Amino acid sequence: MIPESLNVSWIAMQIATKVIVTLALIMLSVAAYRLALHPLACIPGPRAAAVSSIWLARHVRDGRMLELGKSLHKKYGHAVRVGPDEVWFDSKEAFRLVYGKSPKN
């Protein structure tokens, strides 16, 4: 006969395993959606940036925003996806199209 404490531990381990597998599947599904099906999926940029905002937050924390913007636009073009729901543009024309007026020089 199996002791009751061992049986409870086994059930808890099964539940924990199912929760971890479910969370992993959810995270993979969200990543796949953001990379392939999201409305911004066609805009170039680092894949890590398309999946999570953590990528951009790390660069913000390190204080490298100016160099980051320049290097990303040089590598990917005038429009760059830097987050799951964020795009950077490098022209006044794009600013006008998005916000409806010209930025001050």
C-alpha atoms as a PDB file:
ATOM      1  CA  MET A   1       0.000   0.000   0.000  1.00  0.00           C
ATOM      2  CA  ILE A   2       1.266   3.507  -0.889  1.00  0.00           C
ATOM      3  CA  PRO A   3       1.522   5.988   1.992  1.00  0.00           C
ATOM      4  CA  GLU A   4      -0.994   8.870   1.759  1.00  0.00           C
ATOM      5  CA  SER A   5       1.765  11.544   1.813  1.00  0.00           C
ATOM      6  CA  LEU A   6       3.446   9.980  -1.231  1.00  0.00           C
ATOM      7  CA  ASN A   7       0.134   9.891  -3.107  1.00  0.00           C
ATOM      8  CA  VAL A   8      -0.531  13.581  -2.371  1.00  0.00           C
ATOM      9  CA  SER A   9       3.000  14.495  -3.509  1.00  0.00           C
ATOM     10  CA  TRP A  10       2.495  12.557  -6.745  1.00  0.00           C
ATOM     11  CA  ILE A  11      -0.794  14.356  -7.454  1.00  0.00           C
ATOM     12  CA  ALA A  12       0.770  17.756  -6.697  1.00  0.00           C
ATOM     13  CA  MET A  13       3.643  16.960  -9.042  1.00  0.00           C
ATOM     14  CA  GLN A  14       1.223  15.973 -11.821  1.00  0.00           C
ATOM     15  CA  ILE A  15      -0.759  19.193 -11.368  1.00  0.00           C
ATOM     16  CA  ALA A  16       2.430  21.298 -11.350  1.00  0.00           C
ATOM     17  CA  THR A  17       3.632  19.570 -14.516  1.00  0.00           C
ATOM     18  CA  LYS A  18       0.339  20.225 -16.288  1.00  0.00           C
ATOM     19  CA  VAL A  19       0.387  23.893 -15.242  1.00  0.00           C
ATOM     20  CA  ILE A  20       3.970  24.342 -16.466  1.00  0.00           C
ATOM     21  CA  VAL A  21       3.256  22.620 -19.800  1.00  0.00           C
ATOM     22  CA  THR A  22       0.088  24.707 -20.276  1.00  0.00           C
ATOM     23  CA  LEU A  23       1.951  27.965 -19.561  1.00  0.00           C
ATOM     24  CA  ALA A  24       4.738  26.979 -21.951  1.00  0.00           C
ATOM     25  CA  LEU A  25       2.210  26.228 -24.700  1.00  0.00           C
ATOM     26  CA  ILE A  26       0.483  29.567 -24.118  1.00  0.00           C
ATOM     27  CA  MET A  27       3.801  31.415 -24.307  1.00  0.00           C
ATOM     28  CA  LEU A  28       4.771  29.591 -27.507  1.00  0.00           C
ATOM     29  CA  SER A  29       1.357  30.322 -29.028  1.00  0.00           C
ATOM     30  CA  VAL A  30       1.632  34.033 -28.224  1.00  0.00           C
ATOM     31  CA  ALA A  31       5.160  34.147 -29.672  1.00  0.00           C
ATOM     32  CA  ALA A  32       4.044  32.374 -32.859  1.00  0.00           C
ATOM     33  CA  TYR A  33       1.087  34.746 -33.232  1.00  0.00           C
ATOM     34  CA  ARG A  34       3.246  37.842 -32.757  1.00  0.00           C
ATOM     35  CA  LEU A  35       5.827  36.609 -35.263  1.00  0.00           C
ATOM     36  CA  ALA A  36       3.492  35.366 -37.988  1.00  0.00           C
ATOM     37  CA  LEU A  37      -0.111  36.544 -37.642  1.00  0.00           C
ATOM     38  CA  HIS A  38       0.015  39.885 -35.814  1.00  0.00           C
ATOM     39  CA  PRO A  39      -0.875  42.949 -37.953  1.00  0.00           C
ATOM     40  CA  LEU A  40       2.687  44.266 -37.423  1.00  0.00           C
ATOM     41  CA  ALA A  41       4.340  40.948 -38.364  1.00  0.00           C
ATOM     42  CA  CYS A  42       5.277  42.290 -41.806  1.00  0.00           C
ATOM     43  CA  ILE A  43       7.331  45.175 -40.351  1.00  0.00           C
ATOM     44  CA  PRO A  44      11.026  44.274 -40.050  1.00  0.00           C
ATOM     45  CA  GLY A  45      12.900  44.298 -36.772  1.00  0.00           C
ATOM     46  CA  PRO A  46      14.550  42.005 -34.239  1.00  0.00           C
ATOM     47  CA  ARG A  47      12.483  38.875 -33.623  1.00  0.00           C
ATOM     48  CA  ALA A  48      12.965  39.165 -29.872  1.00  0.00           C
ATOM     49  CA  ALA A  49      11.415  42.629 -30.036  1.00  0.00           C
ATOM     50  CA  ALA A  50       8.363  41.288 -31.862  1.00  0.00           C
ATOM     51  CA  VAL A  51       7.811  38.639 -29.196  1.00  0.00           C
ATOM     52  CA  SER A  52       8.280  40.638 -25.984  1.00  0.00           C
ATOM     53  CA  SER A  53       8.771  44.162 -24.649  1.00  0.00           C
ATOM     54  CA  ILE A  54      11.569  42.868 -22.441  1.00  0.00           C
ATOM     55  CA  TRP A  55      14.013  43.293 -25.327  1.00  0.00           C
ATOM     56  CA  LEU A  56      13.345  47.035 -25.579  1.00  0.00           C
ATOM     57  CA  ALA A  57      13.178  47.476 -21.793  1.00  0.00           C
ATOM     58  CA  ARG A  58      16.682  46.045 -21.494  1.00  0.00           C
ATOM     59  CA  HIS A  59      18.032  48.580 -23.991  1.00  0.00           C
ATOM     60  CA  VAL A  60      16.192  51.420 -22.261  1.00  0.00           C
ATOM     61  CA  ARG A  61      17.650  50.352 -18.923  1.00  0.00           C
ATOM     62  CA  ASP A  62      21.163  50.344 -20.397  1.00  0.00           C
ATOM     63  CA  GLY A  63      20.676  53.894 -21.762  1.00  0.00           C
ATOM     64  CA  ARG A  64      21.414  52.949 -25.381  1.00  0.00           C
ATOM     65  CA  MET A  65      18.303  54.339 -27.070  1.00  0.00           C
ATOM     66  CA  LEU A  66      20.017  56.765 -29.475  1.00  0.00           C
ATOM     67  CA  GLU A  67      22.529  54.207 -30.759  1.00  0.00           C
ATOM     68  CA  LEU A  68      19.808  51.564 -30.849  1.00  0.00           C
ATOM     69  CA  GLY A  69      17.514  53.685 -33.007  1.00  0.00           C
ATOM     70  CA  LYS A  70      20.277  54.543 -35.457  1.00  0.00           C
ATOM     71  CA  SER A  71      21.548  50.984 -35.769  1.00  0.00           C
ATOM     72  CA  LEU A  72      18.064  49.477 -36.154  1.00  0.00           C
ATOM     73  CA  HIS A  73      17.063  51.943 -38.883  1.00  0.00           C
ATOM     74  CA  LYS A  74      20.364  51.338 -40.662  1.00  0.00           C
ATOM     75  CA  LYS A  75      19.827  47.580 -40.572  1.00  0.00           C
ATOM     76  CA  TYR A  76      16.038  47.307 -41.119  1.00  0.00           C
ATOM     77  CA  GLY A  77      15.007  50.489 -42.938  1.00  0.00           C
ATOM     78  CA  HIS A  78      12.675  53.429 -42.290  1.00  0.00           C
ATOM     79  CA  ALA A  79      10.142  51.486 -40.177  1.00  0.00           C
ATOM     80  CA  VAL A  80      11.329  49.131 -37.437  1.00  0.00           C
ATOM     81  CA  ARG A  81       9.289  46.993 -35.066  1.00  0.00           C
ATOM     82  CA  VAL A  82      10.788  47.403 -31.591  1.00  0.00           C
ATOM     83  CA  GLY A  83       8.032  45.791 -29.538  1.00  0.00           C
ATOM     84  CA  PRO A  84       4.984  43.593 -29.944  1.00  0.00           C
ATOM     85  CA  ASP A  85       2.861  46.716 -30.541  1.00  0.00           C
ATOM     86  CA  GLU A  86       5.494  49.390 -31.214  1.00  0.00           C
ATOM     87  CA  VAL A  87       7.048  50.676 -34.436  1.00  0.00           C
ATOM     88  CA  TRP A  88       9.702  53.365 -34.796  1.00  0.00           C
ATOM     89  CA  PHE A  89       9.913  55.582 -37.879  1.00  0.00           C
ATOM     90  CA  ASP A  90      12.831  57.753 -38.948  1.00  0.00           C
ATOM     91  CA  SER A  91      11.156  60.378 -41.116  1.00  0.00           C
ATOM     92  CA  LYS A  92       9.008  63.476 -40.734  1.00  0.00           C
ATOM     93  CA  GLU A  93       6.705  62.113 -43.428  1.00  0.00           C
ATOM     94  CA  ALA A  94       5.911  59.063 -41.321  1.00  0.00           C
ATOM     95  CA  PHE A  95       5.335  61.281 -38.286  1.00  0.00           C
ATOM     96  CA  ARG A  96       2.822  63.335 -40.283  1.00  0.00           C
ATOM     97  CA  LEU A  97       1.046  60.219 -41.526  1.00  0.00           C
ATOM     98  CA  VAL A  98       0.754  58.736 -38.042  1.00  0.00           C
ATOM     99  CA  TYR A  99       0.043  61.851 -35.972  1.00  0.00           C
ATOM    100  CA  GLY A 100      -1.437  64.191 -38.570  1.00  0.00           C
ATOM    101  CA  LYS A 101       0.936  67.152 -38.149  1.00  0.00           C
ATOM    102  CA  SER A 102       4.566  68.009 -38.577  1.00  0.00           C
ATOM    103  CA  PRO A 103       7.001  67.743 -35.645  1.00  0.00           C
ATOM    104  CA  LYS A 104       8.774  70.927 -34.588  1.00  0.00           C
ATOM    105  CA  ASN A 105      12.397  71.140 -35.681  1.00  0.00           C
END
